[in-house]
Amino acid sequence: NSQQNDNIKRVKGQIDEVKGIMINNIEKVLDRGDKIDKLVVKTSELVNDTQVFRYRGKKLKNAALCRNIRLFIILALIIFIIIGAVTWLACGFPAFDTCR
């Protein structure tokens, strides 16, 4: 009878030990689940931030392109005006008598 009680205590001890290990494992799984949920949220935020960055980058690129085109047109007009002024002065402005 005493040996049965010892066996029962030993088995109960093993059961308690396994129970503790299982509770610890379940807590670890729940922690991992929380961490995975946080990673999913952060990943989603990064995707959104990437889309915003891409949109703003395209917008900035287009603005720079428009500015460069305007600058090119202004420079072309200035060069055209300078060439016209030199031609007028060289050909006898305003009648252009010397260039005929």
Foldseek 3Di string as FASTA:
>chain_A
DVVVVVVVVVVVVVVVVVVVVVVVVVVVVVVVVVVVVVVVVVVVVVVVVVVVVVVVVVVVVVVVVVVVVVVVVVVVVVVVVVVVVVQCVVQPPPPSPNVD
